[in-house]
Amino acid sequence: MASWWRINLNPKGLSRGDVIRLLLSGCAVAPIRPLRSRPLKGGKAGWEEVASWTPGNNGVGYYLASGKMLPCLVVSHSCDLEKPKATARVTIAPMRPLSVFNPADAEVVLRGENLSLLPLPDIPGWENHCADLRCISYIDRLLVDAAERVVSMTEEATKVLQARLVHFFTRIRIPADQFTKAE
């Protein structure tokens, strides 16, 4: 493939294959530890652990989670990101630099032989990274919009991403050139 990355960000706005500099990526801790809001001394807001799940009228509750601030790859379909009612959430995959792996494992990732780790080579100004497809999650669109978009994938690279997502989730291999359009 000629290049994974566009020279400029996708002018249509946030899109599948965008790299976001830093986003919160994490999950609930086990066992589940429900929380509720509670005022602290001095009128400051705080949280306390409660014995059972107690969601509000909207069905949303709070719980203890842990995570990291990491670069992330946008996985949501670009067309979904353009629809106003569908943009409350953005699906992301956290990224890791390949330098955290031993050299042999990093080579396996770069060759595309680890199904769960999508290689992201030659990000302008960055070292090689990978996106961890095992940790795909969603995040509020407002948090994504407040973060820095670093670079956008080329259409050809977006097709590679789509093919890898299909392969990862279904274990069915579809060549990237079978996608007539990157979406």
Protein backbone atom coordinates (compact mmCIF):
# COMPACT_ATOMS: atom_id res chain seq x y z
CA MET A 1 0.00 0.00 0.00
CA ALA A 2 1.36 3.41 -0.94
CA SER A 3 0.48 5.24 2.28
CA TRP A 4 -1.75 4.72 5.29
CA TRP A 5 -2.17 8.44 5.98
CA ARG A 6 -3.61 11.46 4.20
CA ILE A 7 -1.42 14.53 3.88
CA ASN A 8 -4.22 16.59 5.52
CA LEU A 9 -7.04 15.62 7.85
CA ASN A 10 -10.20 14.39 6.15
CA PRO A 11 -11.99 17.66 5.27
CA LYS A 12 -15.40 16.04 5.90
CA GLY A 13 -14.60 16.03 9.63
CA LEU A 14 -14.26 13.17 12.09
CA SER A 15 -14.10 9.90 10.18
CA ARG A 16 -13.26 6.22 10.45
CA GLY A 17 -9.51 5.80 10.62
CA ASP A 18 -8.77 9.12 12.32
CA VAL A 19 -6.10 9.04 15.03
CA ILE A 20 -7.02 11.04 18.12
CA ARG A 21 -4.05 12.14 20.26
CA LEU A 22 -5.41 11.29 23.72
CA LEU A 23 -8.72 9.84 24.86
CA LEU A 24 -9.80 7.98 27.97
CA SER A 25 -9.87 4.24 27.36
CA GLY A 26 -10.84 1.84 30.11
CA CYS A 27 -13.42 -0.44 31.65
CA ALA A 28 -15.30 -1.23 34.84
CA VAL A 29 -13.29 -2.80 37.63
CA ALA A 30 -14.22 -6.27 38.86
CA PRO A 31 -16.21 -6.87 40.91
CA ILE A 32 -18.67 -4.16 39.89
CA ARG A 33 -18.61 -1.30 42.38
CA PRO A 34 -21.70 0.94 41.99
CA LEU A 35 -21.36 4.59 42.99
CA ARG A 36 -23.67 7.48 43.75
CA SER A 37 -23.04 11.19 43.90
CA ARG A 38 -22.66 12.61 47.39
CA PRO A 39 -21.74 16.11 48.52
CA LEU A 40 -18.50 16.35 50.50
CA LYS A 41 -17.54 18.85 53.17
CA GLY A 42 -17.34 22.35 51.81
CA GLY A 43 -20.02 21.62 49.20
CA LYS A 44 -17.67 19.80 46.82
CA ALA A 45 -19.06 16.96 44.73
CA GLY A 46 -17.95 13.45 45.58
CA TRP A 47 -18.81 9.80 45.14
CA GLU A 48 -19.54 6.97 47.52
CA GLU A 49 -19.71 3.26 46.93
CA VAL A 50 -23.18 1.75 47.38
CA ALA A 51 -24.34 -1.83 47.86
CA SER A 52 -26.53 -2.10 44.77
CA TRP A 53 -26.95 -0.63 41.32
CA THR A 54 -29.13 2.50 41.53
CA PRO A 55 -29.63 4.08 38.12
CA GLY A 56 -31.36 7.42 37.68
CA ASN A 57 -34.65 8.01 35.87
CA ASN A 58 -32.81 7.75 32.54
CA GLY A 59 -31.50 4.26 33.42
CA VAL A 60 -27.92 5.48 33.74
CA GLY A 61 -25.93 4.66 36.85
CA TYR A 62 -22.35 5.23 37.92
CA TYR A 63 -19.64 2.72 38.72
CA LEU A 64 -15.92 2.57 39.41
CA ALA A 65 -13.76 2.20 36.33
CA SER A 66 -10.07 2.38 35.55
CA GLY A 67 -8.33 3.40 32.38
CA LYS A 68 -5.56 5.27 30.65
CA MET A 69 -5.29 8.33 28.46
CA LEU A 70 -4.11 6.88 25.15
CA PRO A 71 -4.07 7.71 21.47
CA CYS A 72 -7.09 6.07 19.86
CA LEU A 73 -8.24 5.06 16.39
CA VAL A 74 -11.79 5.98 15.35
CA VAL A 75 -13.63 2.79 14.36
CA SER A 76 -17.17 4.16 13.87
CA HIS A 77 -18.47 4.33 10.31
CA SER A 78 -17.83 7.77 8.83
CA CYS A 79 -21.46 8.03 7.67
CA ASP A 80 -22.64 7.42 11.26
CA LEU A 81 -20.42 10.26 12.45
CA GLU A 82 -22.12 12.64 10.00
CA LYS A 83 -25.66 11.88 11.26
CA PRO A 84 -26.59 14.28 14.08
CA LYS A 85 -28.66 11.80 16.12
CA ALA A 86 -26.09 9.02 15.81
CA THR A 87 -23.12 11.08 16.96
CA ALA A 88 -23.60 10.93 20.72
CA ARG A 89 -21.11 8.05 20.85
CA VAL A 90 -17.95 7.26 18.89
CA THR A 91 -16.47 3.78 18.72
CA ILE A 92 -12.70 3.77 19.31
CA ALA A 93 -9.81 1.34 19.62
CA PRO A 94 -6.94 2.28 21.94
CA MET A 95 -3.49 2.41 20.39
CA ARG A 96 -0.08 1.38 21.72
CA PRO A 97 3.38 2.13 20.38
CA LEU A 98 5.12 -0.95 19.02
CA SER A 99 8.13 -0.06 21.19
CA VAL A 100 6.28 -1.53 24.21
CA PHE A 101 6.55 -4.99 22.61
CA ASN A 102 9.69 -7.04 22.36
CA PRO A 103 11.18 -6.75 18.84
CA ALA A 104 9.98 -10.18 17.67
CA ASP A 105 6.40 -9.50 18.74
CA ALA A 106 6.48 -6.01 17.19
CA GLU A 107 7.48 -7.60 13.86
CA VAL A 108 4.56 -10.04 14.09
CA VAL A 109 2.21 -7.07 14.59
CA LEU A 110 3.75 -5.09 11.72
CA ARG A 111 3.34 -8.07 9.37
CA GLY A 112 -0.36 -8.20 10.33
CA GLU A 113 -0.07 -11.68 11.83
CA ASN A 114 -1.69 -10.81 15.18
CA LEU A 115 -5.39 -10.59 14.37
CA SER A 116 -6.30 -8.48 17.39
CA LEU A 117 -3.58 -5.84 16.86
CA LEU A 118 -3.99 -3.72 13.72
CA PRO A 119 -0.60 -2.33 12.65
CA LEU A 120 -0.54 1.44 12.16
CA PRO A 121 2.81 2.14 10.52
CA ASP A 122 4.40 5.46 9.61
CA ILE A 123 2.05 7.83 11.46
CA PRO A 124 3.59 11.22 10.58
CA GLY A 125 5.75 12.42 13.47
CA TRP A 126 5.05 9.32 15.58
CA GLU A 127 6.63 5.93 16.00
CA ASN A 128 4.79 2.86 14.67
CA HIS A 129 1.68 1.96 16.67
CA CYS A 130 -1.05 -0.66 16.66
CA ALA A 131 -4.75 -0.47 17.50
CA ASP A 132 -5.98 -3.08 19.98
CA LEU A 133 -9.24 -4.43 18.55
CA ARG A 134 -9.88 -6.44 21.76
CA CYS A 135 -10.46 -3.15 23.59
CA ILE A 136 -12.88 -1.43 21.22
CA SER A 137 -15.31 0.69 23.21
CA TYR A 138 -17.37 3.83 22.87
CA ILE A 139 -16.83 7.32 24.17
CA ASP A 140 -18.98 10.44 24.24
CA ARG A 141 -18.66 12.47 21.04
CA LEU A 142 -18.09 15.66 23.05
CA LEU A 143 -14.86 14.18 24.45
CA VAL A 144 -13.67 13.22 20.98
CA ASP A 145 -14.48 16.64 19.57
CA ALA A 146 -12.51 18.28 22.40
CA ALA A 147 -9.43 16.14 21.64
CA GLU A 148 -6.88 16.64 18.85
CA ARG A 149 -7.34 14.82 15.56
CA VAL A 150 -3.80 13.97 14.49
CA VAL A 151 -4.15 12.31 11.11
CA SER A 152 -6.74 10.61 8.86
CA MET A 153 -6.38 7.33 6.97
CA THR A 154 -6.32 7.21 3.20
CA GLU A 155 -9.27 5.51 1.52
CA GLU A 156 -7.08 2.48 0.78
CA ALA A 157 -6.04 2.19 4.43
CA THR A 158 -9.67 2.54 5.54
CA LYS A 159 -10.50 -0.49 3.38
CA VAL A 160 -7.70 -2.41 5.15
CA LEU A 161 -9.22 -1.38 8.50
CA GLN A 162 -12.68 -2.55 7.37
CA ALA A 163 -11.31 -5.89 6.17
CA ARG A 164 -9.46 -6.38 9.47
CA LEU A 165 -12.59 -5.57 11.50
CA VAL A 166 -14.61 -8.14 9.53
CA HIS A 167 -11.84 -10.72 9.97
CA PHE A 168 -11.43 -9.98 13.67
CA PHE A 169 -15.13 -10.20 14.53
CA THR A 170 -16.17 -13.04 12.19
CA ARG A 171 -12.91 -14.89 11.50
CA ILE A 172 -13.85 -14.58 7.82
CA ARG A 173 -11.06 -13.11 5.72
CA ILE A 174 -12.18 -10.60 3.09
CA PRO A 175 -9.49 -8.93 0.98
CA ALA A 176 -9.45 -5.15 1.35
CA ASP A 177 -9.85 -4.70 -2.42
CA GLN A 178 -13.31 -6.37 -2.14
CA PHE A 179 -14.63 -3.20 -0.50
CA THR A 180 -15.80 -0.93 -3.30
CA LYS A 181 -15.89 2.10 -1.03
CA ALA A 182 -14.34 2.92 2.29
CA GLU A 183 -17.14 3.75 4.71
